[in-house]
C-alpha atoms as a PDB file:
ATOM      1  CA  UNK A   1       0.000   0.000   0.000  1.00  0.00           C
ATOM      2  CA  UNK A   2       2.875   2.361   0.791  1.00  0.00           C
ATOM      3  CA  UNK A   3       4.342   1.664  -2.644  1.00  0.00           C
ATOM      4  CA  UNK A   4       1.086   2.698  -4.306  1.00  0.00           C
ATOM      5  CA  UNK A   5       0.884   5.858  -2.182  1.00  0.00           C
ATOM      6  CA  UNK A   6       4.349   6.804  -3.439  1.00  0.00           C
ATOM      7  CA  UNK A   7       3.159   6.340  -7.015  1.00  0.00           C
ATOM      8  CA  UNK A   8       0.153   8.619  -6.549  1.00  0.00           C
ATOM      9  CA  UNK A   9       2.139  11.182  -4.567  1.00  0.00           C
ATOM     10  CA  UNK A  10       4.604  11.398  -7.469  1.00  0.00           C
ATOM     11  CA  UNK A  11       1.774  12.094  -9.916  1.00  0.00           C
ATOM     12  CA  UNK A  12       0.292  14.656  -7.522  1.00  0.00           C
ATOM     13  CA  UNK A  13       3.677  16.363  -7.074  1.00  0.00           C
ATOM     14  CA  UNK A  14       4.166  16.642 -10.842  1.00  0.00           C
ATOM     15  CA  UNK A  15       0.599  17.958 -11.167  1.00  0.00           C
ATOM     16  CA  UNK A  16       1.273  20.721  -8.613  1.00  0.00           C
ATOM     17  CA  UNK A  17       4.538  21.578 -10.378  1.00  0.00           C
ATOM     18  CA  UNK A  18       2.806  21.564 -13.772  1.00  0.00           C
ATOM     19  CA  UNK A  19      -0.024  23.851 -12.654  1.00  0.00           C
ATOM     20  CA  UNK A  20       2.410  26.327 -11.069  1.00  0.00           C
ATOM     21  CA  UNK A  21       4.687  26.199 -14.112  1.00  0.00           C
ATOM     22  CA  UNK A  22       1.765  26.726 -16.517  1.00  0.00           C
ATOM     23  CA  UNK A  23       0.459  29.674 -14.498  1.00  0.00           C
ATOM     24  CA  UNK A  24       3.899  31.285 -14.607  1.00  0.00           C
ATOM     25  CA  UNK A  25       3.977  30.859 -18.393  1.00  0.00           C
ATOM     26  CA  UNK A  26       0.398  32.059 -18.935  1.00  0.00           C
ATOM     27  CA  UNK A  27      -0.263  35.194 -20.947  1.00  0.00           C
ATOM     28  CA  UNK A  28      -2.496  36.752 -18.274  1.00  0.00           C
ATOM     29  CA  UNK A  29       0.128  36.462 -15.522  1.00  0.00           C
ATOM     30  CA  UNK A  30       2.825  37.801 -17.838  1.00  0.00           C
ATOM     31  CA  UNK A  31       0.512  40.719 -18.607  1.00  0.00           C
ATOM     32  CA  UNK A  32       0.044  41.455 -14.919  1.00  0.00           C
ATOM     33  CA  UNK A  33       3.788  41.323 -14.206  1.00  0.00           C
ATOM     34  CA  UNK A  34       4.566  43.415 -17.286  1.00  0.00           C
ATOM     35  CA  UNK A  35       2.121  46.059 -16.081  1.00  0.00           C
ATOM     36  CA  UNK A  36       3.769  46.174 -12.652  1.00  0.00           C
ATOM     37  CA  UNK A  37       7.380  46.361 -13.815  1.00  0.00           C
ATOM     38  CA  UNK A  38       7.367  47.559 -17.418  1.00  0.00           C
ATOM     39  CA  UNK A  39      10.996  48.634 -17.401  1.00  0.00           C
ATOM     40  CA  UNK A  40      12.572  45.306 -16.441  1.00  0.00           C
ATOM     41  CA  UNK A  41       9.950  42.756 -17.498  1.00  0.00           C
ATOM     42  CA  UNK A  42      11.513  41.731 -20.821  1.00  0.00           C
ATOM     43  CA  UNK A  43      14.988  41.650 -19.285  1.00  0.00           C
ATOM     44  CA  UNK A  44      14.284  39.411 -16.273  1.00  0.00           C
ATOM     45  CA  UNK A  45      11.144  37.356 -16.908  1.00  0.00           C
ATOM     46  CA  UNK A  46      12.443  34.463 -19.037  1.00  0.00           C
ATOM     47  CA  UNK A  47      15.575  33.959 -16.922  1.00  0.00           C
ATOM     48  CA  UNK A  48      13.622  34.138 -13.658  1.00  0.00           C
ATOM     49  CA  UNK A  49      10.990  31.785 -15.073  1.00  0.00           C
ATOM     50  CA  UNK A  50      13.614  29.144 -15.910  1.00  0.00           C
ATOM     51  CA  UNK A  51      15.353  29.502 -12.547  1.00  0.00           C
ATOM     52  CA  UNK A  52      12.098  29.098 -10.609  1.00  0.00           C
ATOM     53  CA  UNK A  53      11.065  26.129 -12.781  1.00  0.00           C
ATOM     54  CA  UNK A  54      14.403  24.400 -12.122  1.00  0.00           C
ATOM     55  CA  UNK A  55      14.358  25.036  -8.374  1.00  0.00           C
ATOM     56  CA  UNK A  56      10.743  23.859  -7.995  1.00  0.00           C
ATOM     57  CA  UNK A  57      11.391  20.704 -10.046  1.00  0.00           C
ATOM     58  CA  UNK A  58      14.231  19.553  -7.782  1.00  0.00           C
ATOM     59  CA  UNK A  59      11.981  18.629  -4.805  1.00  0.00           C
ATOM     60  CA  UNK A  60       9.731  16.659  -7.161  1.00  0.00           C
ATOM     61  CA  UNK A  61      12.722  14.660  -8.377  1.00  0.00           C
ATOM     62  CA  UNK A  62      13.876  14.220  -4.799  1.00  0.00           C
ATOM     63  CA  UNK A  63      10.598  12.489  -3.930  1.00  0.00           C
ATOM     64  CA  UNK A  64      11.608   9.625  -6.222  1.00  0.00           C
ATOM     65  CA  UNK A  65      14.314   8.724  -3.703  1.00  0.00           C
ATOM     66  CA  UNK A  66      12.436   9.719  -0.553  1.00  0.00           C
ATOM     67  CA  UNK A  67       9.069   7.959  -0.954  1.00  0.00           C
ATOM     68  CA  UNK A  68       8.552   4.213  -0.429  1.00  0.00           C
ATOM     69  CA  UNK A  69       9.242   2.471  -3.704  1.00  0.00           C
ATOM     70  CA  UNK A  70       9.174  -0.858  -5.493  1.00  0.00           C
ATOM     71  CA  UNK A  71      11.271  -1.874  -8.494  1.00  0.00           C
ATOM     72  CA  UNK A  72       9.176  -2.983 -11.472  1.00  0.00           C
ATOM     73  CA  UNK A  73      11.899  -4.025 -13.894  1.00  0.00           C
ATOM     74  CA  UNK A  74      15.554  -3.521 -14.709  1.00  0.00           C
ATOM     75  CA  UNK A  75      16.924  -3.739 -18.252  1.00  0.00           C
ATOM     76  CA  UNK A  76      19.782  -6.278 -18.191  1.00  0.00           C
ATOM     77  CA  UNK A  77      23.312  -5.729 -19.479  1.00  0.00           C
ATOM     78  CA  UNK A  78      24.201  -5.149 -22.329  1.00  0.00           C
ATOM     79  CA  UNK A  79      20.755  -3.862 -23.379  1.00  0.00           C
ATOM     80  CA  UNK A  80      20.905  -1.215 -20.668  1.00  0.00           C
ATOM     81  CA  UNK A  81      23.918   0.258 -22.470  1.00  0.00           C
ATOM     82  CA  UNK A  82      21.785   0.622 -25.589  1.00  0.00           C
ATOM     83  CA  UNK A  83      19.017   2.488 -23.768  1.00  0.00           C
ATOM     84  CA  UNK A  84      21.573   4.758 -22.078  1.00  0.00           C
ATOM     85  CA  UNK A  85      23.218   5.430 -25.454  1.00  0.00           C
ATOM     86  CA  UNK A  86      19.845   6.469 -26.873  1.00  0.00           C
ATOM     87  CA  UNK A  87      19.315   8.676 -23.822  1.00  0.00           C
ATOM     88  CA  UNK A  88      22.691  10.291 -24.553  1.00  0.00           C
ATOM     89  CA  UNK A  89      21.579  10.942 -28.131  1.00  0.00           C
ATOM     90  CA  UNK A  90      18.390  12.498 -26.795  1.00  0.00           C
ATOM     91  CA  UNK A  91      20.407  14.887 -24.606  1.00  0.00           C
ATOM     92  CA  UNK A  92      22.563  15.748 -27.622  1.00  0.00           C
ATOM     93  CA  UNK A  93      19.392  16.344 -29.653  1.00  0.00           C
ATOM     94  CA  UNK A  94      18.058  18.710 -26.974  1.00  0.00           C
ATOM     95  CA  UNK A  95      21.281  20.725 -26.978  1.00  0.00           C
ATOM     96  CA  UNK A  96      21.405  20.921 -30.792  1.00  0.00           C
ATOM     97  CA  UNK A  97      17.734  21.886 -31.022  1.00  0.00           C
ATOM     98  CA  UNK A  98      18.058  24.480 -28.290  1.00  0.00           C
ATOM     99  CA  UNK A  99      21.093  25.902 -30.070  1.00  0.00           C
ATOM    100  CA  UNK A 100      19.219  26.124 -33.374  1.00  0.00           C
ATOM    101  CA  UNK A 101      16.402  28.114 -31.794  1.00  0.00           C
ATOM    102  CA  UNK A 102      18.849  30.149 -29.686  1.00  0.00           C
ATOM    103  CA  UNK A 103      20.153  28.717 -26.416  1.00  0.00           C
ATOM    104  CA  UNK A 104      20.710  32.133 -24.867  1.00  0.00           C
ATOM    105  CA  UNK A 105      17.199  33.271 -25.724  1.00  0.00           C
ATOM    106  CA  UNK A 106      15.657  29.986 -24.567  1.00  0.00           C
ATOM    107  CA  UNK A 107      17.374  30.307 -21.175  1.00  0.00           C
ATOM    108  CA  UNK A 108      16.680  34.048 -20.905  1.00  0.00           C
ATOM    109  CA  UNK A 109      20.354  35.048 -20.944  1.00  0.00           C
ATOM    110  CA  UNK A 110      20.110  37.041 -24.201  1.00  0.00           C
ATOM    111  CA  UNK A 111      17.207  39.097 -22.854  1.00  0.00           C
ATOM    112  CA  UNK A 112      19.028  39.718 -19.573  1.00  0.00           C
ATOM    113  CA  UNK A 113      22.179  40.973 -21.329  1.00  0.00           C
ATOM    114  CA  UNK A 114      20.450  42.933 -24.107  1.00  0.00           C
ATOM    115  CA  UNK A 115      20.570  46.732 -24.079  1.00  0.00           C
ATOM    116  CA  UNK A 116      16.888  46.865 -25.049  1.00  0.00           C
ATOM    117  CA  UNK A 117      15.257  43.405 -24.725  1.00  0.00           C
ATOM    118  CA  UNK A 118      11.932  44.679 -26.111  1.00  0.00           C
ATOM    119  CA  UNK A 119      13.571  45.218 -29.512  1.00  0.00           C
ATOM    120  CA  UNK A 120      14.647  41.563 -29.828  1.00  0.00           C
ATOM    121  CA  UNK A 121      12.660  39.638 -32.428  1.00  0.00           C
ATOM    122  CA  UNK A 122      11.849  35.957 -32.142  1.00  0.00           C
ATOM    123  CA  UNK A 123      12.418  33.767 -35.199  1.00  0.00           C
ATOM    124  CA  UNK A 124      10.157  30.863 -36.134  1.00  0.00           C
ATOM    125  CA  UNK A 125      12.561  27.993 -36.784  1.00  0.00           C
ATOM    126  CA  UNK A 126      11.215  25.369 -39.210  1.00  0.00           C
ATOM    127  CA  UNK A 127      14.371  23.511 -40.269  1.00  0.00           C
ATOM    128  CA  UNK A 128      16.596  20.908 -38.621  1.00  0.00           C
ATOM    129  CA  UNK A 129      14.622  18.867 -36.103  1.00  0.00           C
ATOM    130  CA  UNK A 130      11.844  21.450 -36.376  1.00  0.00           C
ATOM    131  CA  UNK A 131      11.243  20.165 -39.892  1.00  0.00           C
ATOM    132  CA  UNK A 132      10.120  16.820 -38.473  1.00  0.00           C
ATOM    133  CA  UNK A 133       8.187  17.966 -35.396  1.00  0.00           C
ATOM    134  CA  UNK A 134       7.090  21.300 -33.977  1.00  0.00           C
ATOM    135  CA  UNK A 135       8.385  20.480 -30.475  1.00  0.00           C
ATOM    136  CA  UNK A 136      11.527  18.343 -30.794  1.00  0.00           C
ATOM    137  CA  UNK A 137      12.766  19.145 -27.269  1.00  0.00           C
ATOM    138  CA  UNK A 138       9.608  17.551 -25.863  1.00  0.00           C
ATOM    139  CA  UNK A 139      10.068  14.549 -28.160  1.00  0.00           C
ATOM    140  CA  UNK A 140      13.628  14.003 -26.909  1.00  0.00           C
ATOM    141  CA  UNK A 141      12.453  14.499 -23.311  1.00  0.00           C
ATOM    142  CA  UNK A 142       9.815  11.785 -23.638  1.00  0.00           C
ATOM    143  CA  UNK A 143      12.288   9.314 -25.121  1.00  0.00           C
ATOM    144  CA  UNK A 144      14.765  10.130 -22.338  1.00  0.00           C
ATOM    145  CA  UNK A 145      12.421   9.550 -19.403  1.00  0.00           C
ATOM    146  CA  UNK A 146      10.847   6.369 -20.798  1.00  0.00           C
ATOM    147  CA  UNK A 147      14.193   4.750 -21.636  1.00  0.00           C
ATOM    148  CA  UNK A 148      15.354   4.643 -18.024  1.00  0.00           C
ATOM    149  CA  UNK A 149      17.180   1.300 -17.564  1.00  0.00           C
ATOM    150  CA  UNK A 150      15.432   0.819 -14.206  1.00  0.00           C
ATOM    151  CA  UNK A 151      11.710   1.372 -13.674  1.00  0.00           C
ATOM    152  CA  UNK A 152      10.095   1.596 -10.240  1.00  0.00           C
ATOM    153  CA  UNK A 153       6.683   2.672  -8.980  1.00  0.00           C
ATOM    154  CA  UNK A 154       7.987   6.161  -8.166  1.00  0.00           C
ATOM    155  CA  UNK A 155       9.740   6.573 -11.515  1.00  0.00           C
ATOM    156  CA  UNK A 156       6.608   5.339 -13.280  1.00  0.00           C
ATOM    157  CA  UNK A 157       4.501   7.912 -11.424  1.00  0.00           C
ATOM    158  CA  UNK A 158       7.027  10.624 -12.283  1.00  0.00           C
ATOM    159  CA  UNK A 159       7.110   9.618 -15.950  1.00  0.00           C
ATOM    160  CA  UNK A 160       3.336   9.470 -16.308  1.00  0.00           C
ATOM    161  CA  UNK A 161       2.994  12.873 -14.644  1.00  0.00           C
ATOM    162  CA  UNK A 162       5.712  14.436 -16.803  1.00  0.00           C
ATOM    163  CA  UNK A 163       4.227  12.951 -19.980  1.00  0.00           C
ATOM    164  CA  UNK A 164       0.792  14.407 -19.233  1.00  0.00           C
ATOM    165  CA  UNK A 165       2.402  17.715 -18.274  1.00  0.00           C
ATOM    166  CA  UNK A 166       4.435  17.867 -21.507  1.00  0.00           C
ATOM    167  CA  UNK A 167       1.397  17.271 -23.693  1.00  0.00           C
ATOM    168  CA  UNK A 168      -0.700  19.856 -21.847  1.00  0.00           C
ATOM    169  CA  UNK A 169       2.221  22.302 -21.895  1.00  0.00           C
ATOM    170  CA  UNK A 170       2.592  21.743 -25.623  1.00  0.00           C
ATOM    171  CA  UNK A 171      -1.047  22.634 -26.259  1.00  0.00           C
ATOM    172  CA  UNK A 172      -0.691  25.822 -24.194  1.00  0.00           C
ATOM    173  CA  UNK A 173       2.522  26.722 -26.008  1.00  0.00           C
ATOM    174  CA  UNK A 174       0.800  26.205 -29.362  1.00  0.00           C
ATOM    175  CA  UNK A 175      -1.675  28.954 -28.502  1.00  0.00           C
ATOM    176  CA  UNK A 176       1.140  31.378 -27.684  1.00  0.00           C
ATOM    177  CA  UNK A 177       3.014  30.535 -30.889  1.00  0.00           C
ATOM    178  CA  UNK A 178      -0.105  31.097 -32.986  1.00  0.00           C
ATOM    179  CA  UNK A 179      -0.597  34.466 -31.300  1.00  0.00           C
ATOM    180  CA  UNK A 180       3.052  35.379 -31.937  1.00  0.00           C
ATOM    181  CA  UNK A 181       3.423  34.188 -35.553  1.00  0.00           C
ATOM    182  CA  UNK A 182      -0.154  34.139 -36.837  1.00  0.00           C
ATOM    183  CA  UNK A 183      -0.861  32.545 -40.199  1.00  0.00           C
ATOM    184  CA  UNK A 184       2.783  31.554 -40.627  1.00  0.00           C
ATOM    185  CA  UNK A 185       2.513  29.208 -37.658  1.00  0.00           C
ATOM    186  CA  UNK A 186      -0.906  27.935 -38.751  1.00  0.00           C
ATOM    187  CA  UNK A 187       0.595  26.864 -42.092  1.00  0.00           C
ATOM    188  CA  UNK A 188       3.561  25.302 -40.286  1.00  0.00           C
ATOM    189  CA  UNK A 189       1.134  23.316 -38.095  1.00  0.00           C
ATOM    190  CA  UNK A 190      -0.696  21.976 -41.120  1.00  0.00           C
ATOM    191  CA  UNK A 191       2.378  20.265 -42.547  1.00  0.00           C
ATOM    192  CA  UNK A 192       4.432  19.417 -39.435  1.00  0.00           C
ATOM    193  CA  UNK A 193       3.450  16.971 -36.645  1.00  0.00           C
ATOM    194  CA  UNK A 194       3.306  18.280 -33.075  1.00  0.00           C
ATOM    195  CA  UNK A 195       5.522  15.798 -31.182  1.00  0.00           C
ATOM    196  CA  UNK A 196       5.619  12.408 -32.897  1.00  0.00           C
ATOM    197  CA  UNK A 197       7.549  12.549 -36.217  1.00  0.00           C
ATOM    198  CA  UNK A 198       4.799  10.977 -38.309  1.00  0.00           C
ATOM    199  CA  UNK A 199       3.809  12.755 -41.502  1.00  0.00           C
ATOM    200  CA  UNK A 200       0.613  11.886 -43.306  1.00  0.00           C
ATOM    201  CA  UNK A 201       0.532  12.599 -47.023  1.00  0.00           C
ATOM    202  CA  UNK A 202      -2.601  14.273 -48.341  1.00  0.00           C
END
């Protein structure tokens, strides 16, 4: 029973993190903060957002080790090396993709260092991994978490929670991208899959 409670507590913890994270990224909250601190909003918001997201995710990850747990399976050697190699490729894919869309901008460093952050323009990237899917970082993230060589009740709860969170976060991000890029993004959506790299010919 304790093992099951750990599983559900992991899902609940990810849900709380996801709700807080989504609220921070929401347009209405950004509008409120921008109205309160117009001068420094563009400079600090993205960097602060990423820092808070990282700090608040750490306790969630810590629960994996803290809560009662039960191992479900362990991938044997040498197959575990294969899954870890694919995980390494996923991390490399995240770095490459982030670099293509602008690592400094993604992290908020470019905005923080810019003389006038409000004058920075965001580019819609549609090549590289973005040619295959609209959200390649999420694709790599899903592969990474589900290819863990050891699966336990707590890790399963974490993975299910993160998967649901990523899909919901993707839908929310889609709305912001449509608002930012308009018809250009609508056309991009029509020919490029969201997360899974499956293209259907018309």
